[in-house]
Amino acid sequence: MTVLTIKINQRTKAGKAFMAMSESFFKGLNGIEVIEEHPKKEKILAKSIYSDTFIAKMKKAKEEIKKGNTTRLDPNDVWGSIL
């Protein structure tokens, strides 16, 4: 199987014409499948600005909060409430 990726700007005249032609030409053919993907959405989902260790720490903290393992800090005596 060969995968062919084509970027088409559907706002342009050529892009609209290509989409119309490809939809009519490939419709009903076995062995050819047209898959529409939106690159902006995939880039956001695929790549995170945070490191893997930071994400793991946040997930662990979220689980601890769900379990009820939290500490309340007194704003007047922060160091006293930590120790």
C-alpha atoms as a PDB file:
ATOM      1  CA  MET A   1       0.000   0.000   0.000  1.00  0.00           C
ATOM      2  CA  THR A   2       1.195   3.504  -0.807  1.00  0.00           C
ATOM      3  CA  VAL A   3       0.115   6.576   1.127  1.00  0.00           C
ATOM      4  CA  LEU A   4       0.051   9.855  -0.756  1.00  0.00           C
ATOM      5  CA  THR A   5      -0.298  13.096   1.193  1.00  0.00           C
ATOM      6  CA  ILE A   6      -1.406  16.222  -0.648  1.00  0.00           C
ATOM      7  CA  LYS A   7      -1.872  19.613   0.995  1.00  0.00           C
ATOM      8  CA  ILE A   8      -4.796  21.453  -0.575  1.00  0.00           C
ATOM      9  CA  ASN A   9      -5.896  24.974   0.212  1.00  0.00           C
ATOM     10  CA  GLN A  10      -9.645  24.690  -0.294  1.00  0.00           C
ATOM     11  CA  ARG A  11     -10.035  28.466  -0.289  1.00  0.00           C
ATOM     12  CA  THR A  12      -8.281  28.856  -3.632  1.00  0.00           C
ATOM     13  CA  LYS A  13      -9.840  28.316  -7.038  1.00  0.00           C
ATOM     14  CA  ALA A  14      -7.376  25.532  -7.872  1.00  0.00           C
ATOM     15  CA  GLY A  15      -7.952  23.844  -4.515  1.00  0.00           C
ATOM     16  CA  LYS A  16     -11.717  23.859  -4.983  1.00  0.00           C
ATOM     17  CA  ALA A  17     -11.367  22.494  -8.501  1.00  0.00           C
ATOM     18  CA  PHE A  18      -8.989  19.737  -7.380  1.00  0.00           C
ATOM     19  CA  MET A  19     -11.318  18.671  -4.539  1.00  0.00           C
ATOM     20  CA  ALA A  20     -14.331  18.575  -6.866  1.00  0.00           C
ATOM     21  CA  MET A  21     -12.395  16.562  -9.458  1.00  0.00           C
ATOM     22  CA  SER A  22     -10.960  14.104  -6.932  1.00  0.00           C
ATOM     23  CA  GLU A  23     -14.325  13.544  -5.212  1.00  0.00           C
ATOM     24  CA  SER A  24     -16.026  12.736  -8.499  1.00  0.00           C
ATOM     25  CA  PHE A  25     -13.138  10.674  -9.885  1.00  0.00           C
ATOM     26  CA  PHE A  26     -12.393   8.517  -6.810  1.00  0.00           C
ATOM     27  CA  LYS A  27     -16.022   7.989  -5.769  1.00  0.00           C
ATOM     28  CA  GLY A  28     -16.981   4.328  -5.997  1.00  0.00           C
ATOM     29  CA  LEU A  29     -13.492   3.003  -6.754  1.00  0.00           C
ATOM     30  CA  ASN A  30     -12.288   0.075  -4.686  1.00  0.00           C
ATOM     31  CA  GLY A  31      -8.751   0.354  -3.394  1.00  0.00           C
ATOM     32  CA  ILE A  32      -8.661   4.146  -3.136  1.00  0.00           C
ATOM     33  CA  GLU A  33      -9.736   5.910   0.029  1.00  0.00           C
ATOM     34  CA  VAL A  34      -9.787   9.669   0.542  1.00  0.00           C
ATOM     35  CA  ILE A  35      -9.081  10.643   4.159  1.00  0.00           C
ATOM     36  CA  GLU A  36      -9.493  14.263   5.179  1.00  0.00           C
ATOM     37  CA  GLU A  37      -7.215  15.429   7.983  1.00  0.00           C
ATOM     38  CA  HIS A  38      -6.734  18.867   9.460  1.00  0.00           C
ATOM     39  CA  PRO A  39      -3.018  19.434  10.093  1.00  0.00           C
ATOM     40  CA  LYS A  40      -3.478  22.233  12.642  1.00  0.00           C
ATOM     41  CA  LYS A  41      -5.516  20.056  14.989  1.00  0.00           C
ATOM     42  CA  GLU A  42      -3.121  17.132  14.706  1.00  0.00           C
ATOM     43  CA  LYS A  43      -0.062  19.244  15.430  1.00  0.00           C
ATOM     44  CA  ILE A  44      -1.657  20.557  18.600  1.00  0.00           C
ATOM     45  CA  LEU A  45      -2.600  17.089  19.791  1.00  0.00           C
ATOM     46  CA  ALA A  46       0.637  15.391  18.806  1.00  0.00           C
ATOM     47  CA  LYS A  47       3.156  17.811  20.263  1.00  0.00           C
ATOM     48  CA  SER A  48       3.144  19.100  23.826  1.00  0.00           C
ATOM     49  CA  ILE A  49       5.171  22.038  25.084  1.00  0.00           C
ATOM     50  CA  TYR A  50       5.652  20.257  28.434  1.00  0.00           C
ATOM     51  CA  SER A  51       8.266  17.609  29.161  1.00  0.00           C
ATOM     52  CA  ASP A  52       7.237  14.017  29.829  1.00  0.00           C
ATOM     53  CA  THR A  53       8.486  14.174  33.426  1.00  0.00           C
ATOM     54  CA  PHE A  54       6.390  17.261  34.134  1.00  0.00           C
ATOM     55  CA  ILE A  55       3.277  15.620  32.675  1.00  0.00           C
ATOM     56  CA  ALA A  56       3.909  12.505  34.783  1.00  0.00           C
ATOM     57  CA  LYS A  57       4.219  14.659  37.936  1.00  0.00           C
ATOM     58  CA  MET A  58       0.959  16.460  37.156  1.00  0.00           C
ATOM     59  CA  LYS A  59      -0.881  13.165  36.568  1.00  0.00           C
ATOM     60  CA  LYS A  60       0.474  11.792  39.848  1.00  0.00           C
ATOM     61  CA  ALA A  61      -0.601  14.953  41.701  1.00  0.00           C
ATOM     62  CA  LYS A  62      -4.079  14.719  40.177  1.00  0.00           C
ATOM     63  CA  GLU A  63      -4.401  11.115  41.375  1.00  0.00           C
ATOM     64  CA  GLU A  64      -3.275  12.112  44.879  1.00  0.00           C
ATOM     65  CA  ILE A  65      -5.860  14.890  44.994  1.00  0.00           C
ATOM     66  CA  LYS A  66      -8.580  12.432  43.962  1.00  0.00           C
ATOM     67  CA  LYS A  67      -7.505  10.138  46.814  1.00  0.00           C
ATOM     68  CA  GLY A  68      -7.709  13.034  49.260  1.00  0.00           C
ATOM     69  CA  ASN A  69      -3.980  13.203  49.988  1.00  0.00           C
ATOM     70  CA  THR A  70      -3.736  16.987  50.207  1.00  0.00           C
ATOM     71  CA  THR A  71      -2.180  19.488  52.587  1.00  0.00           C
ATOM     72  CA  ARG A  72      -3.784  22.771  53.571  1.00  0.00           C
ATOM     73  CA  LEU A  73      -1.451  25.697  53.988  1.00  0.00           C
ATOM     74  CA  ASP A  74      -2.016  28.473  56.468  1.00  0.00           C
ATOM     75  CA  PRO A  75      -1.188  31.713  54.619  1.00  0.00           C
ATOM     76  CA  ASN A  76      -0.112  33.328  57.891  1.00  0.00           C
ATOM     77  CA  ASP A  77       2.357  30.543  58.719  1.00  0.00           C
ATOM     78  CA  VAL A  78       3.367  28.777  55.499  1.00  0.00           C
ATOM     79  CA  TRP A  79       6.538  27.183  56.865  1.00  0.00           C
ATOM     80  CA  GLY A  80       4.794  26.022  60.006  1.00  0.00           C
ATOM     81  CA  SER A  81       2.021  24.318  58.050  1.00  0.00           C
ATOM     82  CA  ILE A  82       4.503  22.545  55.767  1.00  0.00           C
ATOM     83  CA  LEU A  83       6.657  21.165  58.567  1.00  0.00           C
END
